[in-house]
Amino acid sequence: MSESIHEYVLEQLQLSKGRWTQVAEATEISKRTIEKIASGESKNPGVRSIEKLSNYFRNRNNKVAA
């Protein structure tokens, strides 16, 4: 079974710890919201936030791989 978008975002947030300010600026999601998602405090984050974060990490990872 493949991982969900939410699981992917959680994994990428952990890998990006220390760069959440940059992630927040690039995605226009507050750093506090990112912290809540990463910590699990936000049990059901909004679809738009998860989509923005997922797109950010996929685009960033594609640029690194290229």
PDB file of N, CA and C in Angstrom:
ATOM      1  N   MET A   1       0.841  -1.177   0.000  1.00  0.00           N
ATOM      2  CA  MET A   1       0.000   0.000   0.000  1.00  0.00           C
ATOM      3  C   MET A   1       0.889   1.245   0.000  1.00  0.00           C
ATOM      4  N   SER A   2       0.564   2.216  -0.840  1.00  0.00           N
ATOM      5  CA  SER A   2       1.383   3.417  -0.915  1.00  0.00           C
ATOM      6  C   SER A   2       0.995   4.395   0.191  1.00  0.00           C
ATOM      7  N   GLU A   3       1.946   5.264   0.507  1.00  0.00           N
ATOM      8  CA  GLU A   3       1.679   6.221   1.571  1.00  0.00           C
ATOM      9  C   GLU A   3       0.721   7.295   1.095  1.00  0.00           C
ATOM     10  N   SER A   4      -0.051   7.846   2.011  1.00  0.00           N
ATOM     11  CA  SER A   4      -0.982   8.920   1.684  1.00  0.00           C
ATOM     12  C   SER A   4      -0.219  10.229   1.499  1.00  0.00           C
ATOM     13  N   ILE A   5      -0.886  11.202   0.920  1.00  0.00           N
ATOM     14  CA  ILE A   5      -0.276  12.516   0.754  1.00  0.00           C
ATOM     15  C   ILE A   5       0.051  13.101   2.136  1.00  0.00           C
ATOM     16  N   HIS A   6      -0.841  12.889   3.083  1.00  0.00           N
ATOM     17  CA  HIS A   6      -0.629  13.388   4.445  1.00  0.00           C
ATOM     18  C   HIS A   6       0.630  12.769   5.044  1.00  0.00           C
ATOM     19  N   GLU A   7       0.794  11.460   4.901  1.00  0.00           N
ATOM     20  CA  GLU A   7       1.994  10.785   5.415  1.00  0.00           C
ATOM     21  C   GLU A   7       3.251  11.304   4.728  1.00  0.00           C
ATOM     22  N   TYR A   8       3.165  11.524   3.415  1.00  0.00           N
ATOM     23  CA  TYR A   8       4.294  12.059   2.654  1.00  0.00           C
ATOM     24  C   TYR A   8       4.697  13.434   3.199  1.00  0.00           C
ATOM     25  N   VAL A   9       3.702  14.295   3.424  1.00  0.00           N
ATOM     26  CA  VAL A   9       3.973  15.633   3.940  1.00  0.00           C
ATOM     27  C   VAL A   9       4.596  15.561   5.332  1.00  0.00           C
ATOM     28  N   LEU A  10       4.068  14.710   6.196  1.00  0.00           N
ATOM     29  CA  LEU A  10       4.638  14.561   7.539  1.00  0.00           C
ATOM     30  C   LEU A  10       6.100  14.119   7.470  1.00  0.00           C
ATOM     31  N   GLU A  11       6.385  13.175   6.608  1.00  0.00           N
ATOM     32  CA  GLU A  11       7.762  12.693   6.443  1.00  0.00           C
ATOM     33  C   GLU A  11       8.678  13.812   5.952  1.00  0.00           C
ATOM     34  N   GLN A  12       8.211  14.557   4.953  1.00  0.00           N
ATOM     35  CA  GLN A  12       9.020  15.642   4.395  1.00  0.00           C
ATOM     36  C   GLN A  12       9.216  16.772   5.399  1.00  0.00           C
ATOM     37  N   LEU A  13       8.204  17.040   6.216  1.00  0.00           N
ATOM     38  CA  LEU A  13       8.360  18.071   7.245  1.00  0.00           C
ATOM     39  C   LEU A  13       9.430  17.673   8.246  1.00  0.00           C
ATOM     40  N   GLN A  14       9.466  16.406   8.622  1.00  0.00           N
ATOM     41  CA  GLN A  14      10.504  15.962   9.556  1.00  0.00           C
ATOM     42  C   GLN A  14      11.889  16.094   8.933  1.00  0.00           C
ATOM     43  N   LEU A  15      11.995  15.775   7.650  1.00  0.00           N
ATOM     44  CA  LEU A  15      13.277  15.903   6.954  1.00  0.00           C
ATOM     45  C   LEU A  15      13.689  17.365   6.776  1.00  0.00           C
ATOM     46  N   SER A  16      12.704  18.256   6.803  1.00  0.00           N
ATOM     47  CA  SER A  16      12.957  19.683   6.587  1.00  0.00           C
ATOM     48  C   SER A  16      13.013  20.480   7.880  1.00  0.00           C
ATOM     49  N   LYS A  17      12.998  19.802   9.000  1.00  0.00           N
ATOM     50  CA  LYS A  17      13.023  20.499  10.283  1.00  0.00           C
ATOM     51  C   LYS A  17      14.218  21.447  10.308  1.00  0.00           C
ATOM     52  N   GLY A  18      13.986  22.657  10.777  1.00  0.00           N
ATOM     53  CA  GLY A  18      15.025  23.677  10.758  1.00  0.00           C
ATOM     54  C   GLY A  18      14.885  24.612   9.568  1.00  0.00           C
ATOM     55  N   ARG A  19      14.073  24.211   8.595  1.00  0.00           N
ATOM     56  CA  ARG A  19      13.836  25.045   7.402  1.00  0.00           C
ATOM     57  C   ARG A  19      12.354  25.390   7.249  1.00  0.00           C
ATOM     58  N   TRP A  20      11.607  25.248   8.339  1.00  0.00           N
ATOM     59  CA  TRP A  20      10.159  25.486   8.260  1.00  0.00           C
ATOM     60  C   TRP A  20       9.809  26.926   7.940  1.00  0.00           C
ATOM     61  N   THR A  21      10.656  27.866   8.312  1.00  0.00           N
ATOM     62  CA  THR A  21      10.395  29.263   7.963  1.00  0.00           C
ATOM     63  C   THR A  21      10.414  29.428   6.449  1.00  0.00           C
ATOM     64  N   GLN A  22      11.373  28.793   5.792  1.00  0.00           N
ATOM     65  CA  GLN A  22      11.453  28.845   4.327  1.00  0.00           C
ATOM     66  C   GLN A  22      10.254  28.149   3.693  1.00  0.00           C
ATOM     67  N   VAL A  23       9.866  27.018   4.252  1.00  0.00           N
ATOM     68  CA  VAL A  23       8.694  26.283   3.740  1.00  0.00           C
ATOM     69  C   VAL A  23       7.454  27.158   3.888  1.00  0.00           C
ATOM     70  N   ALA A  24       7.315  27.804   5.030  1.00  0.00           N
ATOM     71  CA  ALA A  24       6.157  28.666   5.284  1.00  0.00           C
ATOM     72  C   ALA A  24       6.098  29.810   4.275  1.00  0.00           C
ATOM     73  N   GLU A  25       7.220  30.441   4.040  1.00  0.00           N
ATOM     74  CA  GLU A  25       7.257  31.550   3.082  1.00  0.00           C
ATOM     75  C   GLU A  25       6.927  31.086   1.669  1.00  0.00           C
ATOM     76  N   ALA A  26       7.458  29.949   1.272  1.00  0.00           N
ATOM     77  CA  ALA A  26       7.243  29.443  -0.086  1.00  0.00           C
ATOM     78  C   ALA A  26       5.808  28.972  -0.313  1.00  0.00           C
ATOM     79  N   THR A  27       5.165  28.454   0.725  1.00  0.00           N
ATOM     80  CA  THR A  27       3.820  27.901   0.579  1.00  0.00           C
ATOM     81  C   THR A  27       2.718  28.856   1.026  1.00  0.00           C
ATOM     82  N   GLU A  28       3.119  29.959   1.673  1.00  0.00           N
ATOM     83  CA  GLU A  28       2.160  30.908   2.239  1.00  0.00           C
ATOM     84  C   GLU A  28       1.269  30.259   3.308  1.00  0.00           C
ATOM     85  N   ILE A  29       1.861  29.322   4.037  1.00  0.00           N
ATOM     86  CA  ILE A  29       1.224  28.678   5.186  1.00  0.00           C
ATOM     87  C   ILE A  29       2.013  29.147   6.402  1.00  0.00           C
ATOM     88  N   SER A  30       1.323  29.530   7.460  1.00  0.00           N
ATOM     89  CA  SER A  30       2.047  30.043   8.626  1.00  0.00           C
ATOM     90  C   SER A  30       2.965  28.975   9.215  1.00  0.00           C
ATOM     91  N   LYS A  31       4.069  29.442   9.769  1.00  0.00           N
ATOM     92  CA  LYS A  31       5.014  28.520  10.405  1.00  0.00           C
ATOM     93  C   LYS A  31       4.333  27.776  11.540  1.00  0.00           C
ATOM     94  N   ARG A  32       3.461  28.450  12.273  1.00  0.00           N
ATOM     95  CA  ARG A  32       2.745  27.803  13.381  1.00  0.00           C
ATOM     96  C   ARG A  32       1.865  26.664  12.872  1.00  0.00           C
ATOM     97  N   THR A  33       1.196  26.854  11.735  1.00  0.00           N
ATOM     98  CA  THR A  33       0.385  25.780  11.153  1.00  0.00           C
ATOM     99  C   THR A  33       1.268  24.607  10.755  1.00  0.00           C
ATOM    100  N   ILE A  34       2.414  24.897  10.179  1.00  0.00           N
ATOM    101  CA  ILE A  34       3.350  23.837   9.800  1.00  0.00           C
ATOM    102  C   ILE A  34       3.816  23.083  11.049  1.00  0.00           C
ATOM    103  N   GLU A  35       4.113  23.810  12.106  1.00  0.00           N
ATOM    104  CA  GLU A  35       4.516  23.169  13.362  1.00  0.00           C
ATOM    105  C   GLU A  35       3.404  22.267  13.901  1.00  0.00           C
ATOM    106  N   LYS A  36       2.161  22.727  13.830  1.00  0.00           N
ATOM    107  CA  LYS A  36       1.026  21.933  14.316  1.00  0.00           C
ATOM    108  C   LYS A  36       0.841  20.664  13.484  1.00  0.00           C
ATOM    109  N   ILE A  37       0.985  20.785  12.179  1.00  0.00           N
ATOM    110  CA  ILE A  37       0.853  19.610  11.299  1.00  0.00           C
ATOM    111  C   ILE A  37       1.969  18.621  11.612  1.00  0.00           C
ATOM    112  N   ALA A  38       3.200  19.109  11.695  1.00  0.00           N
ATOM    113  CA  ALA A  38       4.360  18.238  11.912  1.00  0.00           C
ATOM    114  C   ALA A  38       4.315  17.529  13.264  1.00  0.00           C
ATOM    115  N   SER A  39       3.812  18.222  14.276  1.00  0.00           N
ATOM    116  CA  SER A  39       3.782  17.640  15.622  1.00  0.00           C
ATOM    117  C   SER A  39       2.592  16.720  15.852  1.00  0.00           C
ATOM    118  N   GLY A  40       1.616  16.780  14.957  1.00  0.00           N
ATOM    119  CA  GLY A  40       0.413  15.979  15.141  1.00  0.00           C
ATOM    120  C   GLY A  40      -0.651  16.706  15.943  1.00  0.00           C
ATOM    121  N   GLU A  41      -0.337  17.927  16.365  1.00  0.00           N
ATOM    122  CA  GLU A  41      -1.320  18.726  17.110  1.00  0.00           C
ATOM    123  C   GLU A  41      -2.551  18.989  16.242  1.00  0.00           C
ATOM    124  N   SER A  42      -2.320  19.183  14.954  1.00  0.00           N
ATOM    125  CA  SER A  42      -3.417  19.339  13.996  1.00  0.00           C
ATOM    126  C   SER A  42      -3.719  17.954  13.439  1.00  0.00           C
ATOM    127  N   LYS A  43      -4.724  17.301  14.005  1.00  0.00           N
ATOM    128  CA  LYS A  43      -5.041  15.917  13.629  1.00  0.00           C
ATOM    129  C   LYS A  43      -5.649  15.813  12.236  1.00  0.00           C
ATOM    130  N   ASN A  44      -6.339  16.870  11.802  1.00  0.00           N
ATOM    131  CA  ASN A  44      -7.009  16.837  10.513  1.00  0.00           C
ATOM    132  C   ASN A  44      -6.758  18.155   9.778  1.00  0.00           C
ATOM    133  N   PRO A  45      -5.523  18.337   9.285  1.00  0.00           N
ATOM    134  CA  PRO A  45      -5.209  19.595   8.604  1.00  0.00           C
ATOM    135  C   PRO A  45      -6.013  19.732   7.316  1.00  0.00           C
ATOM    136  N   GLY A  46      -6.220  20.945   6.904  1.00  0.00           N
ATOM    137  CA  GLY A  46      -6.999  21.203   5.698  1.00  0.00           C
ATOM    138  C   GLY A  46      -6.344  20.639   4.443  1.00  0.00           C
ATOM    139  N   VAL A  47      -7.196  20.278   3.515  1.00  0.00           N
ATOM    140  CA  VAL A  47      -6.728  19.717   2.242  1.00  0.00           C
ATOM    141  C   VAL A  47      -5.830  20.717   1.518  1.00  0.00           C
ATOM    142  N   ARG A  48      -6.198  21.980   1.532  1.00  0.00           N
ATOM    143  CA  ARG A  48      -5.387  22.980   0.824  1.00  0.00           C
ATOM    144  C   ARG A  48      -3.981  23.080   1.389  1.00  0.00           C
ATOM    145  N   SER A  49      -3.875  23.026   2.704  1.00  0.00           N
ATOM    146  CA  SER A  49      -2.541  23.091   3.323  1.00  0.00           C
ATOM    147  C   SER A  49      -1.708  21.879   2.931  1.00  0.00           C
ATOM    148  N   ILE A  50      -2.307  20.705   3.012  1.00  0.00           N
ATOM    149  CA  ILE A  50      -1.583  19.473   2.661  1.00  0.00           C
ATOM    150  C   ILE A  50      -1.199  19.479   1.183  1.00  0.00           C
ATOM    151  N   GLU A  51      -2.105  19.938   0.318  1.00  0.00           N
ATOM    152  CA  GLU A  51      -1.792  19.998  -1.115  1.00  0.00           C
ATOM    153  C   GLU A  51      -0.652  20.976  -1.387  1.00  0.00           C
ATOM    154  N   LYS A  52      -0.693  22.155  -0.763  1.00  0.00           N
ATOM    155  CA  LYS A  52       0.381  23.138  -0.961  1.00  0.00           C
ATOM    156  C   LYS A  52       1.723  22.575  -0.506  1.00  0.00           C
ATOM    157  N   LEU A  53       1.726  21.945   0.653  1.00  0.00           N
ATOM    158  CA  LEU A  53       2.968  21.370   1.169  1.00  0.00           C
ATOM    159  C   LEU A  53       3.459  20.235   0.287  1.00  0.00           C
ATOM    160  N   SER A  54       2.551  19.376  -0.133  1.00  0.00           N
ATOM    161  CA  SER A  54       2.923  18.258  -1.001  1.00  0.00           C
ATOM    162  C   SER A  54       3.519  18.767  -2.310  1.00  0.00           C
ATOM    163  N   ASN A  55       2.877  19.735  -2.918  1.00  0.00           N
ATOM    164  CA  ASN A  55       3.387  20.299  -4.174  1.00  0.00           C
ATOM    165  C   ASN A  55       4.761  20.937  -3.967  1.00  0.00           C
ATOM    166  N   TYR A  56       4.917  21.650  -2.872  1.00  0.00           N
ATOM    167  CA  TYR A  56       6.206  22.265  -2.572  1.00  0.00           C
ATOM    168  C   TYR A  56       7.308  21.214  -2.475  1.00  0.00           C
ATOM    169  N   PHE A  57       7.061  20.163  -1.687  1.00  0.00           N
ATOM    170  CA  PHE A  57       8.102  19.145  -1.498  1.00  0.00           C
ATOM    171  C   PHE A  57       8.354  18.358  -2.779  1.00  0.00           C
ATOM    172  N   ARG A  58       7.324  18.030  -3.534  1.00  0.00           N
ATOM    173  CA  ARG A  58       7.530  17.306  -4.789  1.00  0.00           C
ATOM    174  C   ARG A  58       8.337  18.147  -5.774  1.00  0.00           C
ATOM    175  N   ASN A  59       7.991  19.422  -5.898  1.00  0.00           N
ATOM    176  CA  ASN A  59       8.745  20.305  -6.799  1.00  0.00           C
ATOM    177  C   ASN A  59      10.182  20.460  -6.343  1.00  0.00           C
ATOM    178  N   ARG A  60      10.374  20.634  -5.048  1.00  0.00           N
ATOM    179  CA  ARG A  60      11.729  20.780  -4.511  1.00  0.00           C
ATOM    180  C   ARG A  60      12.542  19.515  -4.720  1.00  0.00           C
ATOM    181  N   ASN A  61      11.929  18.367  -4.468  1.00  0.00           N
ATOM    182  CA  ASN A  61      12.648  17.100  -4.620  1.00  0.00           C
ATOM    183  C   ASN A  61      12.954  16.811  -6.077  1.00  0.00           C
ATOM    184  N   ASN A  62      12.076  17.219  -6.990  1.00  0.00           N
ATOM    185  CA  ASN A  62      12.344  17.026  -8.411  1.00  0.00           C
ATOM    186  C   ASN A  62      13.524  17.882  -8.865  1.00  0.00           C
ATOM    187  N   LYS A  63      13.627  19.103  -8.329  1.00  0.00           N
ATOM    188  CA  LYS A  63      14.746  19.968  -8.693  1.00  0.00           C
ATOM    189  C   LYS A  63      16.067  19.414  -8.167  1.00  0.00           C
ATOM    190  N   VAL A  64      16.034  18.828  -6.976  1.00  0.00           N
ATOM    191  CA  VAL A  64      17.252  18.246  -6.397  1.00  0.00           C
ATOM    192  C   VAL A  64      17.699  17.043  -7.209  1.00  0.00           C
ATOM    193  N   ALA A  65      16.729  16.244  -7.691  1.00  0.00           N
ATOM    194  CA  ALA A  65      17.047  15.028  -8.436  1.00  0.00           C
ATOM    195  C   ALA A  65      17.540  15.340  -9.848  1.00  0.00           C
ATOM    196  N   ALA A  66      17.191  16.500 -10.367  1.00  0.00           N
ATOM    197  CA  ALA A  66      17.552  16.848 -11.765  1.00  0.00           C
ATOM    198  C   ALA A  66      18.988  17.246 -11.897  1.00  0.00           C
TER     199      ALA A  66
END
